[in-house]
C-alpha atoms as a PDB file:
ATOM      1  CA  UNK A   1      24.998 -22.690 -27.428  1.00  0.00           C
ATOM      2  CA  UNK A   2      27.161 -20.201 -25.730  1.00  0.00           C
ATOM      3  CA  UNK A   3      29.826 -21.138 -23.112  1.00  0.00           C
ATOM      4  CA  UNK A   4      30.211 -19.047 -19.923  1.00  0.00           C
ATOM      5  CA  UNK A   5      33.023 -19.297 -17.416  1.00  0.00           C
ATOM      6  CA  UNK A   6      32.417 -17.768 -14.041  1.00  0.00           C
ATOM      7  CA  UNK A   7      35.007 -16.368 -11.544  1.00  0.00           C
ATOM      8  CA  UNK A   8      33.069 -15.939  -8.526  1.00  0.00           C
ATOM      9  CA  UNK A   9      33.587 -13.960  -5.344  1.00  0.00           C
ATOM     10  CA  UNK A  10      31.237 -12.640  -2.539  1.00  0.00           C
ATOM     11  CA  UNK A  11      31.215  -8.911  -3.774  1.00  0.00           C
ATOM     12  CA  UNK A  12      32.630  -9.153  -7.240  1.00  0.00           C
ATOM     13  CA  UNK A  13      32.320 -11.652 -10.023  1.00  0.00           C
ATOM     14  CA  UNK A  14      33.782 -11.974 -13.536  1.00  0.00           C
ATOM     15  CA  UNK A  15      32.411 -13.892 -16.605  1.00  0.00           C
ATOM     16  CA  UNK A  16      33.702 -14.703 -19.886  1.00  0.00           C
ATOM     17  CA  UNK A  17      31.242 -15.797 -22.800  1.00  0.00           C
ATOM     18  CA  UNK A  18      32.435 -17.960 -25.799  1.00  0.00           C
ATOM     19  CA  UNK A  19      30.365 -18.520 -28.878  1.00  0.00           C
ATOM     20  CA  UNK A  20      29.538 -21.840 -30.510  1.00  0.00           C
ATOM     21  CA  UNK A  21      32.988 -21.788 -32.170  1.00  0.00           C
ATOM     22  CA  UNK A  22      34.992 -21.166 -28.942  1.00  0.00           C
ATOM     23  CA  UNK A  23      35.790 -17.595 -29.797  1.00  0.00           C
ATOM     24  CA  UNK A  24      35.578 -15.022 -27.124  1.00  0.00           C
ATOM     25  CA  UNK A  25      32.421 -12.638 -27.285  1.00  0.00           C
ATOM     26  CA  UNK A  26      32.812 -10.636 -24.042  1.00  0.00           C
ATOM     27  CA  UNK A  27      34.241 -10.399 -20.720  1.00  0.00           C
ATOM     28  CA  UNK A  28      32.545  -8.560 -18.061  1.00  0.00           C
ATOM     29  CA  UNK A  29      32.945  -7.795 -14.233  1.00  0.00           C
ATOM     30  CA  UNK A  30      29.824  -7.472 -12.087  1.00  0.00           C
ATOM     31  CA  UNK A  31      30.074  -5.626  -8.709  1.00  0.00           C
ATOM     32  CA  UNK A  32      27.704  -6.543  -5.912  1.00  0.00           C
ATOM     33  CA  UNK A  33      26.135  -9.728  -4.607  1.00  0.00           C
ATOM     34  CA  UNK A  34      25.319 -12.922  -6.584  1.00  0.00           C
ATOM     35  CA  UNK A  35      21.876 -11.586  -7.253  1.00  0.00           C
ATOM     36  CA  UNK A  36      23.385  -8.946  -9.305  1.00  0.00           C
ATOM     37  CA  UNK A  37      25.655 -11.513 -11.180  1.00  0.00           C
ATOM     38  CA  UNK A  38      22.535 -13.606 -11.952  1.00  0.00           C
ATOM     39  CA  UNK A  39      20.655 -10.663 -13.169  1.00  0.00           C
ATOM     40  CA  UNK A  40      23.495  -9.770 -15.557  1.00  0.00           C
ATOM     41  CA  UNK A  41      23.727 -13.498 -16.698  1.00  0.00           C
ATOM     42  CA  UNK A  42      19.836 -13.440 -17.464  1.00  0.00           C
ATOM     43  CA  UNK A  43      20.544 -10.900 -20.151  1.00  0.00           C
ATOM     44  CA  UNK A  44      22.589 -13.178 -22.229  1.00  0.00           C
ATOM     45  CA  UNK A  45      21.410 -14.772 -25.251  1.00  0.00           C
ATOM     46  CA  UNK A  46      20.049 -18.247 -24.631  1.00  0.00           C
ATOM     47  CA  UNK A  47      20.883 -21.089 -24.724  1.00  0.00           C
ATOM     48  CA  UNK A  48      24.132 -20.991 -22.823  1.00  0.00           C
ATOM     49  CA  UNK A  49      26.100 -23.366 -20.469  1.00  0.00           C
ATOM     50  CA  UNK A  50      27.767 -22.139 -17.315  1.00  0.00           C
ATOM     51  CA  UNK A  51      30.947 -23.311 -15.393  1.00  0.00           C
ATOM     52  CA  UNK A  52      32.229 -22.130 -12.076  1.00  0.00           C
ATOM     53  CA  UNK A  53      34.696 -23.177  -9.365  1.00  0.00           C
ATOM     54  CA  UNK A  54      33.540 -24.865  -6.119  1.00  0.00           C
ATOM     55  CA  UNK A  55      33.627 -22.742  -3.179  1.00  0.00           C
ATOM     56  CA  UNK A  56      31.732 -21.641   0.003  1.00  0.00           C
ATOM     57  CA  UNK A  57      27.976 -21.363  -1.006  1.00  0.00           C
ATOM     58  CA  UNK A  58      28.416 -23.120  -4.377  1.00  0.00           C
ATOM     59  CA  UNK A  59      25.187 -25.206  -3.789  1.00  0.00           C
ATOM     60  CA  UNK A  60      23.050 -22.095  -3.598  1.00  0.00           C
ATOM     61  CA  UNK A  61      24.667 -20.525  -6.758  1.00  0.00           C
ATOM     62  CA  UNK A  62      24.254 -23.836  -8.551  1.00  0.00           C
ATOM     63  CA  UNK A  63      20.612 -24.039  -7.762  1.00  0.00           C
ATOM     64  CA  UNK A  64      20.080 -20.195  -8.835  1.00  0.00           C
ATOM     65  CA  UNK A  65      21.948 -20.552 -12.031  1.00  0.00           C
ATOM     66  CA  UNK A  66      20.473 -23.842 -13.130  1.00  0.00           C
ATOM     67  CA  UNK A  67      17.235 -21.833 -13.546  1.00  0.00           C
ATOM     68  CA  UNK A  68      18.442 -19.726 -16.328  1.00  0.00           C
ATOM     69  CA  UNK A  69      21.104 -21.934 -17.996  1.00  0.00           C
ATOM     70  CA  UNK A  70      20.532 -25.023 -19.853  1.00  0.00           C
ATOM     71  CA  UNK A  71      23.535 -26.654 -18.035  1.00  0.00           C
ATOM     72  CA  UNK A  72      25.513 -25.701 -15.104  1.00  0.00           C
ATOM     73  CA  UNK A  73      28.869 -27.490 -14.097  1.00  0.00           C
ATOM     74  CA  UNK A  74      30.962 -26.924 -10.954  1.00  0.00           C
ATOM     75  CA  UNK A  75      34.578 -27.459 -11.318  1.00  0.00           C
ATOM     76  CA  UNK A  76      36.753 -29.179  -8.648  1.00  0.00           C
ATOM     77  CA  UNK A  77      39.119 -26.530  -7.418  1.00  0.00           C
ATOM     78  CA  UNK A  78      41.789 -29.116  -6.499  1.00  0.00           C
ATOM     79  CA  UNK A  79      41.928 -30.505 -10.104  1.00  0.00           C
ATOM     80  CA  UNK A  80      41.925 -26.977 -11.511  1.00  0.00           C
ATOM     81  CA  UNK A  81      45.162 -26.153  -9.870  1.00  0.00           C
ATOM     82  CA  UNK A  82      46.746 -28.945 -11.637  1.00  0.00           C
ATOM     83  CA  UNK A  83      45.498 -27.522 -14.950  1.00  0.00           C
ATOM     84  CA  UNK A  84      46.011 -23.905 -14.439  1.00  0.00           C
ATOM     85  CA  UNK A  85      49.671 -23.731 -13.471  1.00  0.00           C
ATOM     86  CA  UNK A  86      50.232 -20.197 -15.008  1.00  0.00           C
ATOM     87  CA  UNK A  87      52.385 -17.149 -14.131  1.00  0.00           C
ATOM     88  CA  UNK A  88      49.531 -14.930 -15.188  1.00  0.00           C
ATOM     89  CA  UNK A  89      46.408 -15.150 -13.053  1.00  0.00           C
ATOM     90  CA  UNK A  90      43.523 -12.858 -12.501  1.00  0.00           C
ATOM     91  CA  UNK A  91      39.659 -12.866 -12.523  1.00  0.00           C
ATOM     92  CA  UNK A  92      39.386 -12.329 -16.282  1.00  0.00           C
ATOM     93  CA  UNK A  93      41.951 -14.843 -17.101  1.00  0.00           C
ATOM     94  CA  UNK A  94      40.619 -17.448 -14.872  1.00  0.00           C
ATOM     95  CA  UNK A  95      36.892 -16.846 -16.256  1.00  0.00           C
ATOM     96  CA  UNK A  96      38.173 -17.385 -19.672  1.00  0.00           C
ATOM     97  CA  UNK A  97      39.990 -20.553 -18.814  1.00  0.00           C
ATOM     98  CA  UNK A  98      36.893 -22.014 -17.302  1.00  0.00           C
ATOM     99  CA  UNK A  99      34.720 -20.958 -20.412  1.00  0.00           C
ATOM    100  CA  UNK A 100      37.345 -22.697 -22.541  1.00  0.00           C
ATOM    101  CA  UNK A 101      37.353 -26.014 -20.527  1.00  0.00           C
ATOM    102  CA  UNK A 102      33.540 -25.970 -20.661  1.00  0.00           C
ATOM    103  CA  UNK A 103      33.557 -25.486 -24.534  1.00  0.00           C
ATOM    104  CA  UNK A 104      35.957 -28.447 -24.791  1.00  0.00           C
ATOM    105  CA  UNK A 105      33.868 -30.609 -22.321  1.00  0.00           C
ATOM    106  CA  UNK A 106      36.983 -31.248 -20.096  1.00  0.00           C
ATOM    107  CA  UNK A 107      35.928 -29.582 -17.061  1.00  0.00           C
ATOM    108  CA  UNK A 108      36.715 -31.839 -13.778  1.00  0.00           C
ATOM    109  CA  UNK A 109      33.350 -31.617 -12.309  1.00  0.00           C
ATOM    110  CA  UNK A 110      32.145 -32.258  -8.814  1.00  0.00           C
ATOM    111  CA  UNK A 111      29.153 -33.794  -7.634  1.00  0.00           C
ATOM    112  CA  UNK A 112      26.419 -31.373  -6.387  1.00  0.00           C
ATOM    113  CA  UNK A 113      23.885 -32.700  -3.708  1.00  0.00           C
ATOM    114  CA  UNK A 114      20.631 -31.534  -3.146  1.00  0.00           C
ATOM    115  CA  UNK A 115      19.885 -28.562  -0.840  1.00  0.00           C
ATOM    116  CA  UNK A 116      18.645 -30.864   1.977  1.00  0.00           C
ATOM    117  CA  UNK A 117      21.765 -32.974   1.688  1.00  0.00           C
ATOM    118  CA  UNK A 118      23.987 -30.173   1.884  1.00  0.00           C
ATOM    119  CA  UNK A 119      22.089 -28.976   5.003  1.00  0.00           C
ATOM    120  CA  UNK A 120      22.639 -32.500   6.481  1.00  0.00           C
ATOM    121  CA  UNK A 121      26.308 -32.295   5.764  1.00  0.00           C
ATOM    122  CA  UNK A 122      26.746 -28.789   7.392  1.00  0.00           C
ATOM    123  CA  UNK A 123      24.975 -30.060  10.530  1.00  0.00           C
ATOM    124  CA  UNK A 124      27.438 -33.006  10.781  1.00  0.00           C
ATOM    125  CA  UNK A 125      30.508 -30.773  10.340  1.00  0.00           C
ATOM    126  CA  UNK A 126      28.817 -28.375  13.015  1.00  0.00           C
ATOM    127  CA  UNK A 127      28.469 -31.305  15.484  1.00  0.00           C
ATOM    128  CA  UNK A 128      31.936 -31.990  15.106  1.00  0.00           C
ATOM    129  CA  UNK A 129      33.124 -28.609  15.823  1.00  0.00           C
ATOM    130  CA  UNK A 130      30.901 -28.512  18.900  1.00  0.00           C
ATOM    131  CA  UNK A 131      32.479 -31.653  20.129  1.00  0.00           C
ATOM    132  CA  UNK A 132      35.979 -29.943  19.568  1.00  0.00           C
ATOM    133  CA  UNK A 133      34.838 -26.866  21.554  1.00  0.00           C
ATOM    134  CA  UNK A 134      33.477 -29.234  24.386  1.00  0.00           C
ATOM    135  CA  UNK A 135      36.606 -31.126  24.549  1.00  0.00           C
ATOM    136  CA  UNK A 136      38.800 -27.993  24.852  1.00  0.00           C
ATOM    137  CA  UNK A 137      36.619 -26.871  27.479  1.00  0.00           C
ATOM    138  CA  UNK A 138      36.996 -29.862  29.611  1.00  0.00           C
ATOM    139  CA  UNK A 139      40.768 -29.875  29.040  1.00  0.00           C
ATOM    140  CA  UNK A 140      40.822 -26.229  30.251  1.00  0.00           C
ATOM    141  CA  UNK A 141      39.033 -27.190  33.395  1.00  0.00           C
ATOM    142  CA  UNK A 142      41.356 -30.007  34.166  1.00  0.00           C
ATOM    143  CA  UNK A 143      44.393 -27.881  33.534  1.00  0.00           C
ATOM    144  CA  UNK A 144      42.911 -25.428  35.864  1.00  0.00           C
ATOM    145  CA  UNK A 145      42.406 -28.020  38.615  1.00  0.00           C
ATOM    146  CA  UNK A 146      45.880 -29.411  38.199  1.00  0.00           C
ATOM    147  CA  UNK A 147      47.424 -26.040  38.276  1.00  0.00           C
ATOM    148  CA  UNK A 148      46.405 -25.864  41.928  1.00  0.00           C
ATOM    149  CA  UNK A 149      47.196 -29.454  42.680  1.00  0.00           C
ATOM    150  CA  UNK A 150      43.482 -30.592  43.034  1.00  0.00           C
ATOM    151  CA  UNK A 151      42.901 -34.095  42.440  1.00  0.00           C
ATOM    152  CA  UNK A 152      39.893 -34.425  40.198  1.00  0.00           C
ATOM    153  CA  UNK A 153      37.629 -37.459  39.379  1.00  0.00           C
ATOM    154  CA  UNK A 154      39.267 -39.473  36.545  1.00  0.00           C
ATOM    155  CA  UNK A 155      37.618 -40.289  33.176  1.00  0.00           C
ATOM    156  CA  UNK A 156      34.098 -39.363  32.568  1.00  0.00           C
ATOM    157  CA  UNK A 157      33.105 -39.181  36.048  1.00  0.00           C
ATOM    158  CA  UNK A 158      33.925 -35.565  36.275  1.00  0.00           C
ATOM    159  CA  UNK A 159      31.555 -34.710  33.477  1.00  0.00           C
ATOM    160  CA  UNK A 160      28.535 -36.641  35.370  1.00  0.00           C
ATOM    161  CA  UNK A 161      26.043 -34.779  37.334  1.00  0.00           C
ATOM    162  CA  UNK A 162      27.778 -35.664  40.615  1.00  0.00           C
ATOM    163  CA  UNK A 163      31.128 -34.587  39.172  1.00  0.00           C
ATOM    164  CA  UNK A 164      30.002 -31.217  37.797  1.00  0.00           C
ATOM    165  CA  UNK A 165      28.396 -30.437  41.378  1.00  0.00           C
ATOM    166  CA  UNK A 166      31.719 -31.264  42.932  1.00  0.00           C
ATOM    167  CA  UNK A 167      33.453 -29.043  40.416  1.00  0.00           C
ATOM    168  CA  UNK A 168      31.012 -26.316  41.217  1.00  0.00           C
ATOM    169  CA  UNK A 169      31.626 -26.699  44.902  1.00  0.00           C
ATOM    170  CA  UNK A 170      35.410 -27.130  44.871  1.00  0.00           C
ATOM    171  CA  UNK A 171      37.261 -24.266  46.738  1.00  0.00           C
ATOM    172  CA  UNK A 172      39.905 -22.508  44.366  1.00  0.00           C
ATOM    173  CA  UNK A 173      42.440 -19.912  45.806  1.00  0.00           C
ATOM    174  CA  UNK A 174      41.348 -16.770  44.224  1.00  0.00           C
ATOM    175  CA  UNK A 175      38.282 -15.098  42.967  1.00  0.00           C
ATOM    176  CA  UNK A 176      39.815 -15.125  39.487  1.00  0.00           C
ATOM    177  CA  UNK A 177      40.353 -18.785  39.333  1.00  0.00           C
ATOM    178  CA  UNK A 178      36.783 -19.154  40.628  1.00  0.00           C
ATOM    179  CA  UNK A 179      35.376 -16.984  37.779  1.00  0.00           C
ATOM    180  CA  UNK A 180      37.518 -18.902  35.364  1.00  0.00           C
ATOM    181  CA  UNK A 181      36.037 -22.054  36.496  1.00  0.00           C
ATOM    182  CA  UNK A 182      32.403 -20.885  36.569  1.00  0.00           C
ATOM    183  CA  UNK A 183      32.925 -19.561  32.957  1.00  0.00           C
ATOM    184  CA  UNK A 184      34.255 -22.711  31.545  1.00  0.00           C
ATOM    185  CA  UNK A 185      31.754 -24.676  33.291  1.00  0.00           C
ATOM    186  CA  UNK A 186      28.912 -22.375  31.899  1.00  0.00           C
ATOM    187  CA  UNK A 187      30.461 -22.947  28.476  1.00  0.00           C
ATOM    188  CA  UNK A 188      30.716 -26.690  28.838  1.00  0.00           C
ATOM    189  CA  UNK A 189      27.002 -26.949  30.019  1.00  0.00           C
ATOM    190  CA  UNK A 190      26.110 -24.738  27.084  1.00  0.00           C
ATOM    191  CA  UNK A 191      27.892 -26.835  24.532  1.00  0.00           C
ATOM    192  CA  UNK A 192      26.455 -29.975  25.844  1.00  0.00           C
ATOM    193  CA  UNK A 193      22.943 -28.680  25.363  1.00  0.00           C
ATOM    194  CA  UNK A 194      23.842 -27.657  21.869  1.00  0.00           C
ATOM    195  CA  UNK A 195      25.235 -31.010  21.155  1.00  0.00           C
ATOM    196  CA  UNK A 196      21.971 -32.596  22.489  1.00  0.00           C
ATOM    197  CA  UNK A 197      19.935 -30.432  20.068  1.00  0.00           C
ATOM    198  CA  UNK A 198      22.169 -31.270  17.188  1.00  0.00           C
ATOM    199  CA  UNK A 199      22.193 -35.003  17.774  1.00  0.00           C
ATOM    200  CA  UNK A 200      18.321 -34.994  18.280  1.00  0.00           C
ATOM    201  CA  UNK A 201      17.957 -33.496  14.765  1.00  0.00           C
ATOM    202  CA  UNK A 202      20.550 -35.776  13.283  1.00  0.00           C
ATOM    203  CA  UNK A 203      18.788 -38.760  14.865  1.00  0.00           C
ATOM    204  CA  UNK A 204      15.464 -37.871  13.544  1.00  0.00           C
ATOM    205  CA  UNK A 205      16.949 -37.722  10.077  1.00  0.00           C
ATOM    206  CA  UNK A 206      18.940 -40.949  10.352  1.00  0.00           C
ATOM    207  CA  UNK A 207      16.187 -43.031  12.001  1.00  0.00           C
ATOM    208  CA  UNK A 208      13.854 -42.382   8.774  1.00  0.00           C
ATOM    209  CA  UNK A 209      16.808 -42.880   6.341  1.00  0.00           C
ATOM    210  CA  UNK A 210      17.140 -46.423   4.936  1.00  0.00           C
ATOM    211  CA  UNK A 211      20.720 -46.012   3.999  1.00  0.00           C
ATOM    212  CA  UNK A 212      21.723 -45.046   7.522  1.00  0.00           C
ATOM    213  CA  UNK A 213      19.832 -48.090   9.146  1.00  0.00           C
ATOM    214  CA  UNK A 214      21.394 -50.331   6.659  1.00  0.00           C
ATOM    215  CA  UNK A 215      25.217 -49.250   7.388  1.00  0.00           C
ATOM    216  CA  UNK A 216      24.293 -49.687  11.149  1.00  0.00           C
ATOM    217  CA  UNK A 217      24.065 -53.353  10.602  1.00  0.00           C
ATOM    218  CA  UNK A 218      27.764 -53.349  10.430  1.00  0.00           C
ATOM    219  CA  UNK A 219      29.629 -54.050  13.822  1.00  0.00           C
ATOM    220  CA  UNK A 220      31.245 -51.010  15.184  1.00  0.00           C
ATOM    221  CA  UNK A 221      29.206 -48.745  13.105  1.00  0.00           C
ATOM    222  CA  UNK A 222      26.815 -46.344  15.037  1.00  0.00           C
ATOM    223  CA  UNK A 223      24.547 -43.563  14.023  1.00  0.00           C
ATOM    224  CA  UNK A 224      27.135 -40.762  13.790  1.00  0.00           C
ATOM    225  CA  UNK A 225      29.506 -42.957  11.422  1.00  0.00           C
ATOM    226  CA  UNK A 226      26.433 -44.209   9.315  1.00  0.00           C
ATOM    227  CA  UNK A 227      24.854 -40.736   8.860  1.00  0.00           C
ATOM    228  CA  UNK A 228      28.334 -39.160   7.860  1.00  0.00           C
ATOM    229  CA  UNK A 229      29.191 -41.733   5.255  1.00  0.00           C
ATOM    230  CA  UNK A 230      25.523 -41.773   3.892  1.00  0.00           C
ATOM    231  CA  UNK A 231      25.442 -37.815   3.755  1.00  0.00           C
ATOM    232  CA  UNK A 232      28.653 -37.670   1.556  1.00  0.00           C
ATOM    233  CA  UNK A 233      27.999 -40.603  -0.491  1.00  0.00           C
ATOM    234  CA  UNK A 234      24.376 -39.329  -1.180  1.00  0.00           C
ATOM    235  CA  UNK A 235      23.904 -41.203  -4.432  1.00  0.00           C
ATOM    236  CA  UNK A 236      25.659 -44.593  -4.279  1.00  0.00           C
ATOM    237  CA  UNK A 237      25.166 -45.206  -7.944  1.00  0.00           C
ATOM    238  CA  UNK A 238      27.225 -42.230  -9.075  1.00  0.00           C
ATOM    239  CA  UNK A 239      30.364 -44.476  -8.154  1.00  0.00           C
ATOM    240  CA  UNK A 240      30.890 -46.773 -11.188  1.00  0.00           C
ATOM    241  CA  UNK A 241      33.698 -48.694  -9.373  1.00  0.00           C
ATOM    242  CA  UNK A 242      33.774 -49.732  -5.907  1.00  0.00           C
ATOM    243  CA  UNK A 243      37.304 -48.793  -5.474  1.00  0.00           C
ATOM    244  CA  UNK A 244      36.621 -45.043  -6.314  1.00  0.00           C
ATOM    245  CA  UNK A 245      35.180 -44.720  -2.727  1.00  0.00           C
ATOM    246  CA  UNK A 246      38.651 -44.790  -1.155  1.00  0.00           C
ATOM    247  CA  UNK A 247      39.872 -42.167  -3.512  1.00  0.00           C
ATOM    248  CA  UNK A 248      36.851 -39.992  -2.726  1.00  0.00           C
ATOM    249  CA  UNK A 249      37.418 -40.059   0.902  1.00  0.00           C
ATOM    250  CA  UNK A 250      41.284 -39.895   0.701  1.00  0.00           C
ATOM    251  CA  UNK A 251      41.851 -43.197   2.290  1.00  0.00           C
ATOM    252  CA  UNK A 252      44.185 -44.348  -0.474  1.00  0.00           C
ATOM    253  CA  UNK A 253      47.908 -43.792  -0.476  1.00  0.00           C
ATOM    254  CA  UNK A 254      49.608 -41.301  -2.441  1.00  0.00           C
ATOM    255  CA  UNK A 255      51.731 -42.525  -5.195  1.00  0.00           C
ATOM    256  CA  UNK A 256      54.981 -41.515  -6.909  1.00  0.00           C
ATOM    257  CA  UNK A 257      55.711 -44.042  -9.819  1.00  0.00           C
ATOM    258  CA  UNK A 258      58.178 -43.636 -12.375  1.00  0.00           C
ATOM    259  CA  UNK A 259      59.475 -46.686 -14.620  1.00  0.00           C
ATOM    260  CA  UNK A 260      60.377 -49.480 -12.275  1.00  0.00           C
ATOM    261  CA  UNK A 261      60.115 -47.147  -9.218  1.00  0.00           C
ATOM    262  CA  UNK A 262      56.783 -47.109  -7.402  1.00  0.00           C
ATOM    263  CA  UNK A 263      56.694 -45.319  -4.090  1.00  0.00           C
ATOM    264  CA  UNK A 264      53.502 -45.250  -1.806  1.00  0.00           C
ATOM    265  CA  UNK A 265      53.343 -42.543   0.704  1.00  0.00           C
ATOM    266  CA  UNK A 266      50.558 -41.400   3.293  1.00  0.00           C
ATOM    267  CA  UNK A 267      46.992 -41.270   2.594  1.00  0.00           C
ATOM    268  CA  UNK A 268      45.771 -38.383   0.402  1.00  0.00           C
ATOM    269  CA  UNK A 269      43.350 -37.178   2.876  1.00  0.00           C
ATOM    270  CA  UNK A 270      41.177 -35.828   0.075  1.00  0.00           C
ATOM    271  CA  UNK A 271      37.616 -35.322   0.709  1.00  0.00           C
ATOM    272  CA  UNK A 272      35.650 -34.794   4.014  1.00  0.00           C
ATOM    273  CA  UNK A 273      38.089 -35.539   7.128  1.00  0.00           C
ATOM    274  CA  UNK A 274      34.930 -35.950   9.147  1.00  0.00           C
ATOM    275  CA  UNK A 275      34.119 -39.272   7.455  1.00  0.00           C
ATOM    276  CA  UNK A 276      37.609 -40.473   7.808  1.00  0.00           C
ATOM    277  CA  UNK A 277      37.553 -39.669  11.546  1.00  0.00           C
ATOM    278  CA  UNK A 278      34.318 -41.769  11.818  1.00  0.00           C
ATOM    279  CA  UNK A 279      35.275 -44.653   9.798  1.00  0.00           C
ATOM    280  CA  UNK A 280      38.698 -45.142  11.476  1.00  0.00           C
ATOM    281  CA  UNK A 281      36.911 -45.181  14.917  1.00  0.00           C
ATOM    282  CA  UNK A 282      34.384 -47.669  13.397  1.00  0.00           C
ATOM    283  CA  UNK A 283      37.141 -49.888  12.169  1.00  0.00           C
ATOM    284  CA  UNK A 284      38.594 -50.086  15.667  1.00  0.00           C
ATOM    285  CA  UNK A 285      35.196 -51.098  16.960  1.00  0.00           C
ATOM    286  CA  UNK A 286      34.617 -53.497  14.127  1.00  0.00           C
ATOM    287  CA  UNK A 287      38.006 -55.280  14.754  1.00  0.00           C
ATOM    288  CA  UNK A 288      36.975 -55.741  18.208  1.00  0.00           C
ATOM    289  CA  UNK A 289      33.402 -57.040  17.261  1.00  0.00           C
ATOM    290  CA  UNK A 290      33.744 -59.001  14.028  1.00  0.00           C
ATOM    291  CA  UNK A 291      35.875 -61.948  13.383  1.00  0.00           C
ATOM    292  CA  UNK A 292      35.876 -61.124   9.626  1.00  0.00           C
ATOM    293  CA  UNK A 293      37.293 -57.625  10.215  1.00  0.00           C
ATOM    294  CA  UNK A 294      39.742 -58.764  12.656  1.00  0.00           C
ATOM    295  CA  UNK A 295      40.902 -61.442  10.373  1.00  0.00           C
ATOM    296  CA  UNK A 296      41.493 -58.669   7.533  1.00  0.00           C
ATOM    297  CA  UNK A 297      43.308 -56.417  10.091  1.00  0.00           C
ATOM    298  CA  UNK A 298      45.610 -59.304  11.291  1.00  0.00           C
ATOM    299  CA  UNK A 299      46.331 -60.346   7.883  1.00  0.00           C
ATOM    300  CA  UNK A 300      47.558 -56.658   6.717  1.00  0.00           C
ATOM    301  CA  UNK A 301      49.348 -56.229  10.200  1.00  0.00           C
ATOM    302  CA  UNK A 302      51.569 -59.437   9.604  1.00  0.00           C
ATOM    303  CA  UNK A 303      52.009 -59.558  13.333  1.00  0.00           C
ATOM    304  CA  UNK A 304      54.297 -56.650  13.194  1.00  0.00           C
ATOM    305  CA  UNK A 305      53.608 -53.678  15.755  1.00  0.00           C
ATOM    306  CA  UNK A 306      54.724 -50.944  13.466  1.00  0.00           C
ATOM    307  CA  UNK A 307      52.250 -51.952  10.914  1.00  0.00           C
ATOM    308  CA  UNK A 308      49.227 -51.335  13.258  1.00  0.00           C
ATOM    309  CA  UNK A 309      48.364 -48.066  11.748  1.00  0.00           C
ATOM    310  CA  UNK A 310      48.562 -49.236   8.267  1.00  0.00           C
ATOM    311  CA  UNK A 311      46.357 -52.100   9.021  1.00  0.00           C
ATOM    312  CA  UNK A 312      43.913 -49.834  10.625  1.00  0.00           C
ATOM    313  CA  UNK A 313      43.675 -47.464   7.734  1.00  0.00           C
ATOM    314  CA  UNK A 314      43.439 -50.408   5.248  1.00  0.00           C
ATOM    315  CA  UNK A 315      40.474 -51.942   7.500  1.00  0.00           C
ATOM    316  CA  UNK A 316      38.866 -48.606   7.432  1.00  0.00           C
ATOM    317  CA  UNK A 317      39.206 -48.571   3.578  1.00  0.00           C
ATOM    318  CA  UNK A 318      37.724 -51.926   3.204  1.00  0.00           C
ATOM    319  CA  UNK A 319      34.924 -50.786   5.473  1.00  0.00           C
ATOM    320  CA  UNK A 320      34.173 -47.938   3.233  1.00  0.00           C
ATOM    321  CA  UNK A 321      34.103 -50.258   0.117  1.00  0.00           C
ATOM    322  CA  UNK A 322      31.731 -52.681   1.920  1.00  0.00           C
ATOM    323  CA  UNK A 323      29.477 -49.822   2.786  1.00  0.00           C
ATOM    324  CA  UNK A 324      29.231 -48.449  -0.656  1.00  0.00           C
ATOM    325  CA  UNK A 325      28.662 -52.006  -1.971  1.00  0.00           C
ATOM    326  CA  UNK A 326      25.643 -52.468   0.834  1.00  0.00           C
ATOM    327  CA  UNK A 327      24.315 -49.286  -0.362  1.00  0.00           C
ATOM    328  CA  UNK A 328      24.281 -50.090  -4.050  1.00  0.00           C
ATOM    329  CA  UNK A 329      22.818 -53.617  -3.638  1.00  0.00           C
ATOM    330  CA  UNK A 330      20.671 -52.943  -0.412  1.00  0.00           C
ATOM    331  CA  UNK A 331      22.162 -56.011   1.163  1.00  0.00           C
ATOM    332  CA  UNK A 332      22.687 -55.967   4.973  1.00  0.00           C
ATOM    333  CA  UNK A 333      25.910 -57.131   6.649  1.00  0.00           C
ATOM    334  CA  UNK A 334      26.470 -60.730   5.910  1.00  0.00           C
ATOM    335  CA  UNK A 335      28.332 -61.717   9.005  1.00  0.00           C
ATOM    336  CA  UNK A 336      25.660 -61.346  11.514  1.00  0.00           C
ATOM    337  CA  UNK A 337      27.226 -64.497  13.524  1.00  0.00           C
ATOM    338  CA  UNK A 338      30.236 -62.192  14.241  1.00  0.00           C
ATOM    339  CA  UNK A 339      28.446 -59.805  16.800  1.00  0.00           C
ATOM    340  CA  UNK A 340      29.396 -60.026  20.228  1.00  0.00           C
END
């Protein structure tokens, strides 16, 4: 068995090969696309294992390399930074270090989902970006009206069919202001249509996915939250402990402990932020709709207004653990009587 460490870039990649005793055989840099890199690796004497660092497009490269290597391991880039605190860093050195970690079986590996799950995750992230762009367009329109002292309908009424018709007909002082209004309105309509198409596609996936439907039995958990959590958990059985889900999604506090001192800070915010965003929103809804979640929230808050945020994050963390347990056992939400 040989051990190959890859330092991968889009137009240039470097790999280092170790033999079965961990001695370096060769280091080579390949100029060109990933196809050229795979072609070069196919010339190596089999069998061999490969390790490379997760980056954009790592799923595609993982699937391609798995066809030629006995084992492919994708390393966690954040954990590698803790390992490789070195004054000397370049592509050849990094490739050799990855090969050595692979030889020692000490690679901090990441979970690589299937191609369909990766596409599902990308569409969820894309929807979030579209929502952000639509919000910015709405804010720009309101700012334009406010700059001319025009009192617009409050809340969602401005974005209804009647509100948009009023916005189109409103008289602005100059042609340039009217042009800006028209462009922003066109952008808003375009983004709304794109969101409709994205949500339709996500809905088709979610309605047939048993995990999404199971999570939606929780009060306050809608389709967008359920699909985000399910897409990033993917395989619930890969978590050996229920507590691990909090670390995976960055919902646990950072810690600085030494001897008798134990300082807890803000949550780590590791993992996908889109899931944290949805789960915190779901926690708010769950507190309103479920006596069980509301009791947990109040217990953590301790009637202290300054602990509202702490209690909300703790409730979201608990909700994630409940979700993982439900997905692992197939059991629906137990507290059906809490629905209102």
